[in-house]
């Protein structure tokens, strides 16, 4: 599963908008929208700290979210 899909699914389950997630995490709304649209493959890539904050806010297993974000970064760099 891609990071973008993982975030979008979790946000849908929790009934959160990008704005609400930005408020909960302190991450700017445009960055969250970029993560939802492009995951780790777009020009705006999440930092490990942002991934941790998103996983915590969305009650996702941190190891799973970090693994998905790292795998996609490695694959995108090839």
PDB file of N, CA and C in Angstrom:
ATOM      1  N   UNK A   1       0.852  -1.182   0.000  1.00  0.00           N
ATOM      2  CA  UNK A   1       0.000   0.000   0.000  1.00  0.00           C
ATOM      3  C   UNK A   1       0.894   1.239   0.000  1.00  0.00           C
ATOM      4  N   UNK A   2       0.512   2.211  -0.765  1.00  0.00           N
ATOM      5  CA  UNK A   2       1.248   3.462  -0.851  1.00  0.00           C
ATOM      6  C   UNK A   2       0.942   4.350   0.356  1.00  0.00           C
ATOM      7  N   UNK A   3       1.875   5.221   0.683  1.00  0.00           N
ATOM      8  CA  UNK A   3       1.667   6.143   1.791  1.00  0.00           C
ATOM      9  C   UNK A   3       0.434   7.001   1.556  1.00  0.00           C
ATOM     10  N   UNK A   4       0.248   7.468   0.342  1.00  0.00           N
ATOM     11  CA  UNK A   4      -0.905   8.308   0.033  1.00  0.00           C
ATOM     12  C   UNK A   4      -2.212   7.573   0.336  1.00  0.00           C
ATOM     13  N   UNK A   5      -2.290   6.308  -0.062  1.00  0.00           N
ATOM     14  CA  UNK A   5      -3.491   5.509   0.187  1.00  0.00           C
ATOM     15  C   UNK A   5      -3.695   5.266   1.679  1.00  0.00           C
ATOM     16  N   UNK A   6      -2.610   4.972   2.364  1.00  0.00           N
ATOM     17  CA  UNK A   6      -2.679   4.716   3.801  1.00  0.00           C
ATOM     18  C   UNK A   6      -3.209   5.935   4.554  1.00  0.00           C
ATOM     19  N   UNK A   7      -2.687   7.104   4.226  1.00  0.00           N
ATOM     20  CA  UNK A   7      -3.142   8.330   4.878  1.00  0.00           C
ATOM     21  C   UNK A   7      -4.596   8.646   4.538  1.00  0.00           C
ATOM     22  N   UNK A   8      -4.941   8.534   3.262  1.00  0.00           N
ATOM     23  CA  UNK A   8      -6.314   8.843   2.839  1.00  0.00           C
ATOM     24  C   UNK A   8      -7.318   7.909   3.508  1.00  0.00           C
ATOM     25  N   UNK A   9      -6.995   6.621   3.575  1.00  0.00           N
ATOM     26  CA  UNK A   9      -7.898   5.657   4.221  1.00  0.00           C
ATOM     27  C   UNK A   9      -8.068   5.963   5.701  1.00  0.00           C
ATOM     28  N   UNK A  10      -6.975   6.256   6.381  1.00  0.00           N
ATOM     29  CA  UNK A  10      -7.041   6.555   7.814  1.00  0.00           C
ATOM     30  C   UNK A  10      -7.821   7.843   8.071  1.00  0.00           C
ATOM     31  N   UNK A  11      -7.613   8.840   7.235  1.00  0.00           N
ATOM     32  CA  UNK A  11      -8.349  10.099   7.396  1.00  0.00           C
ATOM     33  C   UNK A  11      -9.843   9.878   7.187  1.00  0.00           C
ATOM     34  N   UNK A  12     -10.175   9.053   6.208  1.00  0.00           N
ATOM     35  CA  UNK A  12     -11.583   8.750   5.943  1.00  0.00           C
ATOM     36  C   UNK A  12     -12.214   8.019   7.139  1.00  0.00           C
ATOM     37  N   UNK A  13     -11.495   7.046   7.694  1.00  0.00           N
ATOM     38  CA  UNK A  13     -11.996   6.299   8.858  1.00  0.00           C
ATOM     39  C   UNK A  13     -12.241   7.204  10.057  1.00  0.00           C
ATOM     40  N   UNK A  14     -11.363   8.182  10.241  1.00  0.00           N
ATOM     41  CA  UNK A  14     -11.477   9.095  11.389  1.00  0.00           C
ATOM     42  C   UNK A  14     -12.292  10.346  11.074  1.00  0.00           C
ATOM     43  N   UNK A  15     -12.790  10.435   9.838  1.00  0.00           N
ATOM     44  CA  UNK A  15     -13.581  11.594   9.403  1.00  0.00           C
ATOM     45  C   UNK A  15     -12.807  12.900   9.591  1.00  0.00           C
ATOM     46  N   UNK A  16     -11.547  12.883   9.149  1.00  0.00           N
ATOM     47  CA  UNK A  16     -10.689  14.064   9.273  1.00  0.00           C
ATOM     48  C   UNK A  16     -10.419  14.667   7.903  1.00  0.00           C
ATOM     49  N   UNK A  17     -10.433  15.976   7.854  1.00  0.00           N
ATOM     50  CA  UNK A  17     -10.018  16.691   6.641  1.00  0.00           C
ATOM     51  C   UNK A  17      -8.523  16.985   6.757  1.00  0.00           C
ATOM     52  N   UNK A  18      -7.947  17.448   5.669  1.00  0.00           N
ATOM     53  CA  UNK A  18      -6.536  17.845   5.702  1.00  0.00           C
ATOM     54  C   UNK A  18      -6.331  18.978   6.703  1.00  0.00           C
ATOM     55  N   UNK A  19      -7.299  19.880   6.785  1.00  0.00           N
ATOM     56  CA  UNK A  19      -7.201  20.999   7.727  1.00  0.00           C
ATOM     57  C   UNK A  19      -7.224  20.513   9.177  1.00  0.00           C
ATOM     58  N   UNK A  20      -8.099  19.556   9.466  1.00  0.00           N
ATOM     59  CA  UNK A  20      -8.183  19.022  10.830  1.00  0.00           C
ATOM     60  C   UNK A  20      -6.906  18.276  11.202  1.00  0.00           C
ATOM     61  N   UNK A  21      -6.361  17.535  10.256  1.00  0.00           N
ATOM     62  CA  UNK A  21      -5.108  16.823  10.514  1.00  0.00           C
ATOM     63  C   UNK A  21      -3.954  17.803  10.689  1.00  0.00           C
ATOM     64  N   UNK A  22      -3.964  18.879   9.922  1.00  0.00           N
ATOM     65  CA  UNK A  22      -2.934  19.912  10.073  1.00  0.00           C
ATOM     66  C   UNK A  22      -3.013  20.536  11.463  1.00  0.00           C
ATOM     67  N   UNK A  23      -4.214  20.796  11.920  1.00  0.00           N
ATOM     68  CA  UNK A  23      -4.398  21.375  13.251  1.00  0.00           C
ATOM     69  C   UNK A  23      -3.902  20.407  14.330  1.00  0.00           C
ATOM     70  N   UNK A  24      -4.170  19.120  14.144  1.00  0.00           N
ATOM     71  CA  UNK A  24      -3.776  18.115  15.140  1.00  0.00           C
ATOM     72  C   UNK A  24      -2.269  17.874  15.168  1.00  0.00           C
ATOM     73  N   UNK A  25      -1.610  18.038  14.033  1.00  0.00           N
ATOM     74  CA  UNK A  25      -0.189  17.709  13.954  1.00  0.00           C
ATOM     75  C   UNK A  25       0.744  18.912  13.925  1.00  0.00           C
ATOM     76  N   UNK A  26       0.240  20.043  13.481  1.00  0.00           N
ATOM     77  CA  UNK A  26       1.113  21.202  13.309  1.00  0.00           C
ATOM     78  C   UNK A  26       1.780  21.238  11.947  1.00  0.00           C
ATOM     79  N   UNK A  27       1.486  20.252  11.107  1.00  0.00           N
ATOM     80  CA  UNK A  27       2.019  20.221   9.745  1.00  0.00           C
ATOM     81  C   UNK A  27       1.110  21.098   8.881  1.00  0.00           C
ATOM     82  N   UNK A  28       1.688  21.900   8.029  1.00  0.00           N
ATOM     83  CA  UNK A  28       0.885  22.805   7.193  1.00  0.00           C
ATOM     84  C   UNK A  28      -0.045  22.026   6.267  1.00  0.00           C
ATOM     85  N   UNK A  29      -1.235  22.535   6.070  1.00  0.00           N
ATOM     86  CA  UNK A  29      -2.262  21.887   5.253  1.00  0.00           C
ATOM     87  C   UNK A  29      -1.780  21.572   3.836  1.00  0.00           C
ATOM     88  N   UNK A  30      -1.095  22.484   3.137  1.00  0.00           N
ATOM     89  CA  UNK A  30      -0.639  22.146   1.784  1.00  0.00           C
ATOM     90  C   UNK A  30       0.308  20.932   1.750  1.00  0.00           C
ATOM     91  N   UNK A  31       1.118  20.788   2.780  1.00  0.00           N
ATOM     92  CA  UNK A  31       2.015  19.628   2.837  1.00  0.00           C
ATOM     93  C   UNK A  31       1.216  18.345   3.010  1.00  0.00           C
ATOM     94  N   UNK A  32       0.218  18.378   3.893  1.00  0.00           N
ATOM     95  CA  UNK A  32      -0.606  17.189   4.106  1.00  0.00           C
ATOM     96  C   UNK A  32      -1.331  16.825   2.817  1.00  0.00           C
ATOM     97  N   UNK A  33      -1.859  17.802   2.119  1.00  0.00           N
ATOM     98  CA  UNK A  33      -2.537  17.537   0.843  1.00  0.00           C
ATOM     99  C   UNK A  33      -1.567  16.908  -0.163  1.00  0.00           C
ATOM    100  N   UNK A  34      -0.340  17.383  -0.182  1.00  0.00           N
ATOM    101  CA  UNK A  34       0.670  16.815  -1.088  1.00  0.00           C
ATOM    102  C   UNK A  34       0.967  15.364  -0.721  1.00  0.00           C
ATOM    103  N   UNK A  35       1.051  15.066   0.564  1.00  0.00           N
ATOM    104  CA  UNK A  35       1.308  13.688   0.993  1.00  0.00           C
ATOM    105  C   UNK A  35       0.151  12.778   0.588  1.00  0.00           C
ATOM    106  N   UNK A  36      -1.071  13.269   0.700  1.00  0.00           N
ATOM    107  CA  UNK A  36      -2.253  12.479   0.351  1.00  0.00           C
ATOM    108  C   UNK A  36      -2.321  12.248  -1.158  1.00  0.00           C
ATOM    109  N   UNK A  37      -1.935  13.240  -1.922  1.00  0.00           N
ATOM    110  CA  UNK A  37      -1.996  13.122  -3.385  1.00  0.00           C
ATOM    111  C   UNK A  37      -0.819  12.337  -3.961  1.00  0.00           C
ATOM    112  N   UNK A  38       0.389  12.612  -3.462  1.00  0.00           N
ATOM    113  CA  UNK A  38       1.594  12.046  -4.068  1.00  0.00           C
ATOM    114  C   UNK A  38       2.339  11.050  -3.198  1.00  0.00           C
ATOM    115  N   UNK A  39       2.010  10.982  -1.926  1.00  0.00           N
ATOM    116  CA  UNK A  39       2.762  10.110  -1.023  1.00  0.00           C
ATOM    117  C   UNK A  39       4.218  10.531  -0.971  1.00  0.00           C
ATOM    118  N   UNK A  40       5.109   9.580  -1.191  1.00  0.00           N
ATOM    119  CA  UNK A  40       6.543   9.889  -1.173  1.00  0.00           C
ATOM    120  C   UNK A  40       7.112  10.042  -2.571  1.00  0.00           C
ATOM    121  N   UNK A  41       6.253  10.018  -3.576  1.00  0.00           N
ATOM    122  CA  UNK A  41       6.733  10.075  -4.954  1.00  0.00           C
ATOM    123  C   UNK A  41       6.693  11.471  -5.562  1.00  0.00           C
ATOM    124  N   UNK A  42       6.077  12.411  -4.882  1.00  0.00           N
ATOM    125  CA  UNK A  42       5.956  13.763  -5.412  1.00  0.00           C
ATOM    126  C   UNK A  42       7.126  14.636  -5.021  1.00  0.00           C
ATOM    127  N   UNK A  43       7.072  15.886  -5.415  1.00  0.00           N
ATOM    128  CA  UNK A  43       8.161  16.813  -5.092  1.00  0.00           C
ATOM    129  C   UNK A  43       8.215  17.185  -3.608  1.00  0.00           C
ATOM    130  N   UNK A  44       7.089  17.071  -2.906  1.00  0.00           N
ATOM    131  CA  UNK A  44       7.045  17.367  -1.474  1.00  0.00           C
ATOM    132  C   UNK A  44       7.015  16.040  -0.736  1.00  0.00           C
ATOM    133  N   UNK A  45       8.112  15.716  -0.080  1.00  0.00           N
ATOM    134  CA  UNK A  45       8.217  14.423   0.605  1.00  0.00           C
ATOM    135  C   UNK A  45       8.195  14.628   2.118  1.00  0.00           C
ATOM    136  N   UNK A  46       7.490  13.747   2.821  1.00  0.00           N
ATOM    137  CA  UNK A  46       7.410  13.893   4.280  1.00  0.00           C
ATOM    138  C   UNK A  46       8.729  13.542   4.957  1.00  0.00           C
ATOM    139  N   UNK A  47       9.025  14.275   6.002  1.00  0.00           N
ATOM    140  CA  UNK A  47      10.202  13.970   6.810  1.00  0.00           C
ATOM    141  C   UNK A  47       9.835  12.833   7.768  1.00  0.00           C
ATOM    142  N   UNK A  48      10.825  12.151   8.333  1.00  0.00           N
ATOM    143  CA  UNK A  48      10.515  11.115   9.324  1.00  0.00           C
ATOM    144  C   UNK A  48       9.701  11.661  10.505  1.00  0.00           C
ATOM    145  N   UNK A  49       9.979  12.893  10.909  1.00  0.00           N
ATOM    146  CA  UNK A  49       9.213  13.495  12.004  1.00  0.00           C
ATOM    147  C   UNK A  49       7.748  13.686  11.602  1.00  0.00           C
ATOM    148  N   UNK A  50       7.519  14.145  10.373  1.00  0.00           N
ATOM    149  CA  UNK A  50       6.141  14.331   9.904  1.00  0.00           C
ATOM    150  C   UNK A  50       5.411  12.999   9.804  1.00  0.00           C
ATOM    151  N   UNK A  51       6.101  11.977   9.327  1.00  0.00           N
ATOM    152  CA  UNK A  51       5.491  10.648   9.233  1.00  0.00           C
ATOM    153  C   UNK A  51       5.101  10.161  10.624  1.00  0.00           C
ATOM    154  N   UNK A  52       5.960  10.381  11.601  1.00  0.00           N
ATOM    155  CA  UNK A  52       5.667   9.981  12.971  1.00  0.00           C
ATOM    156  C   UNK A  52       4.459  10.729  13.511  1.00  0.00           C
ATOM    157  N   UNK A  53       4.396  12.029  13.272  1.00  0.00           N
ATOM    158  CA  UNK A  53       3.261  12.829  13.742  1.00  0.00           C
ATOM    159  C   UNK A  53       1.958  12.392  13.083  1.00  0.00           C
ATOM    160  N   UNK A  54       1.999  12.098  11.796  1.00  0.00           N
ATOM    161  CA  UNK A  54       0.803  11.647  11.084  1.00  0.00           C
ATOM    162  C   UNK A  54       0.337  10.292  11.606  1.00  0.00           C
ATOM    163  N   UNK A  55       1.275   9.376  11.799  1.00  0.00           N
ATOM    164  CA  UNK A  55       0.918   8.051  12.318  1.00  0.00           C
ATOM    165  C   UNK A  55       0.284   8.160  13.694  1.00  0.00           C
ATOM    166  N   UNK A  56       0.832   8.995  14.536  1.00  0.00           N
ATOM    167  CA  UNK A  56       0.293   9.179  15.881  1.00  0.00           C
ATOM    168  C   UNK A  56      -1.100   9.787  15.826  1.00  0.00           C
ATOM    169  N   UNK A  57      -1.272  10.828  15.036  1.00  0.00           N
ATOM    170  CA  UNK A  57      -2.568  11.510  14.945  1.00  0.00           C
ATOM    171  C   UNK A  57      -3.650  10.611  14.359  1.00  0.00           C
ATOM    172  N   UNK A  58      -3.254   9.699  13.469  1.00  0.00           N
ATOM    173  CA  UNK A  58      -4.228   8.834  12.811  1.00  0.00           C
ATOM    174  C   UNK A  58      -4.330   7.449  13.456  1.00  0.00           C
ATOM    175  N   UNK A  59      -3.635   7.262  14.568  1.00  0.00           N
ATOM    176  CA  UNK A  59      -3.644   5.989  15.306  1.00  0.00           C
ATOM    177  C   UNK A  59      -3.231   4.824  14.406  1.00  0.00           C
ATOM    178  N   UNK A  60      -2.185   5.045  13.625  1.00  0.00           N
ATOM    179  CA  UNK A  60      -1.648   4.009  12.746  1.00  0.00           C
ATOM    180  C   UNK A  60      -0.385   3.432  13.374  1.00  0.00           C
ATOM    181  N   UNK A  61      -0.094   2.163  13.112  1.00  0.00           N
ATOM    182  CA  UNK A  61       1.152   1.584  13.628  1.00  0.00           C
ATOM    183  C   UNK A  61       2.363   2.304  13.011  1.00  0.00           C
ATOM    184  N   UNK A  62       3.180   2.881  13.844  1.00  0.00           N
ATOM    185  CA  UNK A  62       4.310   3.682  13.370  1.00  0.00           C
ATOM    186  C   UNK A  62       5.236   2.880  12.466  1.00  0.00           C
ATOM    187  N   UNK A  63       5.542   1.657  12.856  1.00  0.00           N
ATOM    188  CA  UNK A  63       6.467   0.850  12.051  1.00  0.00           C
ATOM    189  C   UNK A  63       5.931   0.617  10.637  1.00  0.00           C
ATOM    190  N   UNK A  64       4.624   0.442  10.506  1.00  0.00           N
ATOM    191  CA  UNK A  64       4.017   0.232   9.185  1.00  0.00           C
ATOM    192  C   UNK A  64       4.115   1.493   8.327  1.00  0.00           C
ATOM    193  N   UNK A  65       3.811   2.630   8.921  1.00  0.00           N
ATOM    194  CA  UNK A  65       3.851   3.887   8.175  1.00  0.00           C
ATOM    195  C   UNK A  65       5.289   4.227   7.781  1.00  0.00           C
ATOM    196  N   UNK A  66       6.227   4.040   8.689  1.00  0.00           N
ATOM    197  CA  UNK A  66       7.636   4.302   8.364  1.00  0.00           C
ATOM    198  C   UNK A  66       8.121   3.369   7.267  1.00  0.00           C
ATOM    199  N   UNK A  67       7.725   2.114   7.349  1.00  0.00           N
ATOM    200  CA  UNK A  67       8.143   1.141   6.338  1.00  0.00           C
ATOM    201  C   UNK A  67       7.610   1.519   4.964  1.00  0.00           C
ATOM    202  N   UNK A  68       6.340   1.868   4.879  1.00  0.00           N
ATOM    203  CA  UNK A  68       5.745   2.262   3.602  1.00  0.00           C
ATOM    204  C   UNK A  68       6.427   3.511   3.063  1.00  0.00           C
ATOM    205  N   UNK A  69       6.684   4.483   3.913  1.00  0.00           N
ATOM    206  CA  UNK A  69       7.300   5.727   3.441  1.00  0.00           C
ATOM    207  C   UNK A  69       8.740   5.499   3.006  1.00  0.00           C
ATOM    208  N   UNK A  70       9.467   4.640   3.688  1.00  0.00           N
ATOM    209  CA  UNK A  70      10.860   4.368   3.319  1.00  0.00           C
ATOM    210  C   UNK A  70      10.954   3.529   2.054  1.00  0.00           C
ATOM    211  N   UNK A  71      10.071   2.543   1.913  1.00  0.00           N
ATOM    212  CA  UNK A  71      10.082   1.709   0.711  1.00  0.00           C
ATOM    213  C   UNK A  71       9.813   2.550  -0.522  1.00  0.00           C
ATOM    214  N   UNK A  72       8.855   3.437  -0.438  1.00  0.00           N
ATOM    215  CA  UNK A  72       8.495   4.252  -1.592  1.00  0.00           C
ATOM    216  C   UNK A  72       9.606   5.240  -1.923  1.00  0.00           C
ATOM    217  N   UNK A  73      10.277   5.781  -0.909  1.00  0.00           N
ATOM    218  CA  UNK A  73      11.394   6.706  -1.184  1.00  0.00           C
ATOM    219  C   UNK A  73      12.517   5.971  -1.898  1.00  0.00           C
ATOM    220  N   UNK A  74      12.805   4.755  -1.462  1.00  0.00           N
ATOM    221  CA  UNK A  74      13.865   3.963  -2.069  1.00  0.00           C
ATOM    222  C   UNK A  74      13.501   3.617  -3.501  1.00  0.00           C
ATOM    223  N   UNK A  75      12.281   3.197  -3.735  1.00  0.00           N
ATOM    224  CA  UNK A  75      11.831   2.840  -5.064  1.00  0.00           C
ATOM    225  C   UNK A  75      11.792   4.056  -5.987  1.00  0.00           C
ATOM    226  N   UNK A  76      11.335   5.196  -5.460  1.00  0.00           N
ATOM    227  CA  UNK A  76      11.223   6.410  -6.274  1.00  0.00           C
ATOM    228  C   UNK A  76      12.597   6.917  -6.703  1.00  0.00           C
ATOM    229  N   UNK A  77      13.628   6.658  -5.913  1.00  0.00           N
ATOM    230  CA  UNK A  77      14.963   7.138  -6.222  1.00  0.00           C
ATOM    231  C   UNK A  77      15.671   6.339  -7.296  1.00  0.00           C
ATOM    232  N   UNK A  78      15.093   5.217  -7.728  1.00  0.00           N
ATOM    233  CA  UNK A  78      15.749   4.365  -8.732  1.00  0.00           C
ATOM    234  C   UNK A  78      15.476   4.827 -10.130  1.00  0.00           C
TER     235      UNK A  78
END
